[in-house]
Structure formats: structure tokens, C-alpha cells
Amino acid sequence: MLELRPNCECCGRDLPPESREALICSFECTWCRDCAGNRLPGGLCPNCGGELVARPVRPADRLARFPASTARKRSSLPACAGA
């Protein structure tokens, strides 16, 4: 099951479970569309090199039983410095 991480790993922007702005790779690294398009090279995950795709939205009635993660992650990549 997807973690649905709560923030962009680059800029720290909140990305709630219903956000259409969240992109993920196959390892669930999570980025906002703005950082993916303007800070990350080639639309690929800088952590694993994987393709970034729109993160699916978990239906609200399922969030109670299968909540999103609350663990925030931040990247130390130079492209994300000062973001």
C-alpha cells in the first residue's frame, strides 16, 4: 500500500492525500509538480532515477482505515537547497 507521504521532499510543501500536485516514483519518493518540473533533472526521481508519475488519490472513505503517512522527508540534493 502506498504511504502517501505528506510533503514534497524538495521544498517541503504540504501534499495532503487528496492533492493532485503530488508526483511519485516506484520507491514512493514524493515531489510537487513545481519542483519536479523546475528543480529535478529530466522529470526523473533524483534518488533512484525512476519515472515520476501522478500519485493516486486514496478515496476519503478509505483514509480512516488506511491513513496517509505523517513522516516528513526532505532531500539534501543541491537542487533543493534553499527551496
C-alpha atoms as a PDB file:
ATOM      1  CA  MET A   1       0.000   0.000   0.000  1.00  0.00           C
ATOM      2  CA  LEU A   2       1.278   3.473  -0.852  1.00  0.00           C
ATOM      3  CA  GLU A   3       2.500   5.566   2.068  1.00  0.00           C
ATOM      4  CA  LEU A   4       1.056   8.807   0.654  1.00  0.00           C
ATOM      5  CA  ARG A   5       3.878  10.894   2.096  1.00  0.00           C
ATOM      6  CA  PRO A   6       2.750  14.292   3.382  1.00  0.00           C
ATOM      7  CA  ASN A   7       5.206  16.643   1.694  1.00  0.00           C
ATOM      8  CA  CYS A   8       7.466  17.415  -1.240  1.00  0.00           C
ATOM      9  CA  GLU A   9      10.925  16.083  -0.474  1.00  0.00           C
ATOM     10  CA  CYS A  10      12.489  19.107  -2.167  1.00  0.00           C
ATOM     11  CA  CYS A  11      10.635  22.229  -0.977  1.00  0.00           C
ATOM     12  CA  GLY A  12       8.685  20.751   1.953  1.00  0.00           C
ATOM     13  CA  ARG A  13       5.312  21.838   0.515  1.00  0.00           C
ATOM     14  CA  ASP A  14       2.360  20.049   2.091  1.00  0.00           C
ATOM     15  CA  LEU A  15       0.863  17.409  -0.207  1.00  0.00           C
ATOM     16  CA  PRO A  16      -2.244  16.055   1.512  1.00  0.00           C
ATOM     17  CA  PRO A  17      -3.675  12.696   0.392  1.00  0.00           C
ATOM     18  CA  GLU A  18      -6.180  14.380  -1.948  1.00  0.00           C
ATOM     19  CA  SER A  19      -3.549  16.551  -3.682  1.00  0.00           C
ATOM     20  CA  ARG A  20      -3.287  16.345  -7.462  1.00  0.00           C
ATOM     21  CA  GLU A  21       0.083  18.145  -7.222  1.00  0.00           C
ATOM     22  CA  ALA A  22       1.991  15.118  -5.880  1.00  0.00           C
ATOM     23  CA  LEU A  23       4.279  13.035  -8.086  1.00  0.00           C
ATOM     24  CA  ILE A  24       5.929   9.774  -7.016  1.00  0.00           C
ATOM     25  CA  CYS A  25       8.430   7.238  -8.324  1.00  0.00           C
ATOM     26  CA  SER A  26       8.273   3.470  -7.848  1.00  0.00           C
ATOM     27  CA  PHE A  27      10.015   3.876  -4.460  1.00  0.00           C
ATOM     28  CA  GLU A  28       7.376   6.432  -3.375  1.00  0.00           C
ATOM     29  CA  CYS A  29       9.781   9.357  -3.310  1.00  0.00           C
ATOM     30  CA  THR A  30       7.373  12.293  -3.350  1.00  0.00           C
ATOM     31  CA  TRP A  31       7.758  15.625  -5.145  1.00  0.00           C
ATOM     32  CA  CYS A  32       5.443  18.503  -6.003  1.00  0.00           C
ATOM     33  CA  ARG A  33       4.843  19.280  -9.675  1.00  0.00           C
ATOM     34  CA  ASP A  34       6.669  22.600  -9.379  1.00  0.00           C
ATOM     35  CA  CYS A  35       9.906  21.068  -8.052  1.00  0.00           C
ATOM     36  CA  ALA A  36       9.709  18.115 -10.451  1.00  0.00           C
ATOM     37  CA  GLY A  37       9.378  20.473 -13.402  1.00  0.00           C
ATOM     38  CA  ASN A  38      11.804  23.176 -12.315  1.00  0.00           C
ATOM     39  CA  ARG A  39      14.399  21.647  -9.981  1.00  0.00           C
ATOM     40  CA  LEU A  40      14.735  17.961 -10.828  1.00  0.00           C
ATOM     41  CA  PRO A  41      16.595  16.826 -13.948  1.00  0.00           C
ATOM     42  CA  GLY A  42      14.575  15.367 -16.788  1.00  0.00           C
ATOM     43  CA  GLY A  43      11.409  14.619 -14.829  1.00  0.00           C
ATOM     44  CA  LEU A  44      13.115  11.675 -13.157  1.00  0.00           C
ATOM     45  CA  CYS A  45      13.477  10.918  -9.484  1.00  0.00           C
ATOM     46  CA  PRO A  46      16.944  12.095  -8.436  1.00  0.00           C
ATOM     47  CA  ASN A  47      17.073   9.444  -5.703  1.00  0.00           C
ATOM     48  CA  CYS A  48      16.508   6.354  -7.848  1.00  0.00           C
ATOM     49  CA  GLY A  49      16.343   7.548 -11.462  1.00  0.00           C
ATOM     50  CA  GLY A  50      12.766   6.329 -11.770  1.00  0.00           C
ATOM     51  CA  GLU A  51       9.939   7.918 -13.712  1.00  0.00           C
ATOM     52  CA  LEU A  52       7.790  10.410 -11.822  1.00  0.00           C
ATOM     53  CA  VAL A  53       4.048   9.874 -12.199  1.00  0.00           C
ATOM     54  CA  ALA A  54       0.934  11.385 -10.636  1.00  0.00           C
ATOM     55  CA  ARG A  55       0.330   9.973  -7.175  1.00  0.00           C
ATOM     56  CA  PRO A  56      -3.102   8.341  -6.974  1.00  0.00           C
ATOM     57  CA  VAL A  57      -5.672   9.840  -4.621  1.00  0.00           C
ATOM     58  CA  ARG A  58      -6.912   7.475  -1.926  1.00  0.00           C
ATOM     59  CA  PRO A  59     -10.697   7.738  -1.532  1.00  0.00           C
ATOM     60  CA  ALA A  60     -11.674   9.644   1.620  1.00  0.00           C
ATOM     61  CA  ASP A  61     -13.685   6.716   2.973  1.00  0.00           C
ATOM     62  CA  ARG A  62     -10.522   4.549   2.860  1.00  0.00           C
ATOM     63  CA  LEU A  63      -8.264   7.067   4.624  1.00  0.00           C
ATOM     64  CA  ALA A  64      -9.813   6.289   8.009  1.00  0.00           C
ATOM     65  CA  ARG A  65      -8.827   2.648   7.738  1.00  0.00           C
ATOM     66  CA  PHE A  66      -5.648   3.178   5.706  1.00  0.00           C
ATOM     67  CA  PRO A  67      -4.268   6.595   6.756  1.00  0.00           C
ATOM     68  CA  ALA A  68      -1.606   8.507   4.904  1.00  0.00           C
ATOM     69  CA  SER A  69       1.892   8.717   6.344  1.00  0.00           C
ATOM     70  CA  THR A  70       2.784  11.583   8.659  1.00  0.00           C
ATOM     71  CA  ALA A  71       6.562  11.064   8.347  1.00  0.00           C
ATOM     72  CA  ARG A  72       8.046  14.068   6.540  1.00  0.00           C
ATOM     73  CA  LYS A  73      11.160  13.554   4.386  1.00  0.00           C
ATOM     74  CA  ARG A  74      13.466  16.204   2.938  1.00  0.00           C
ATOM     75  CA  SER A  75      16.125  15.839   0.282  1.00  0.00           C
ATOM     76  CA  SER A  76      19.664  17.099   0.705  1.00  0.00           C
ATOM     77  CA  LEU A  77      20.142  17.478  -3.057  1.00  0.00           C
ATOM     78  CA  PRO A  78      21.857  20.697  -4.150  1.00  0.00           C
ATOM     79  CA  ALA A  79      18.863  21.472  -6.397  1.00  0.00           C
ATOM     80  CA  CYS A  80      16.664  21.557  -3.305  1.00  0.00           C
ATOM     81  CA  ALA A  81      18.917  23.778  -1.199  1.00  0.00           C
ATOM     82  CA  GLY A  82      17.033  26.891  -0.204  1.00  0.00           C
ATOM     83  CA  ALA A  83      13.730  25.531  -1.512  1.00  0.00           C
END
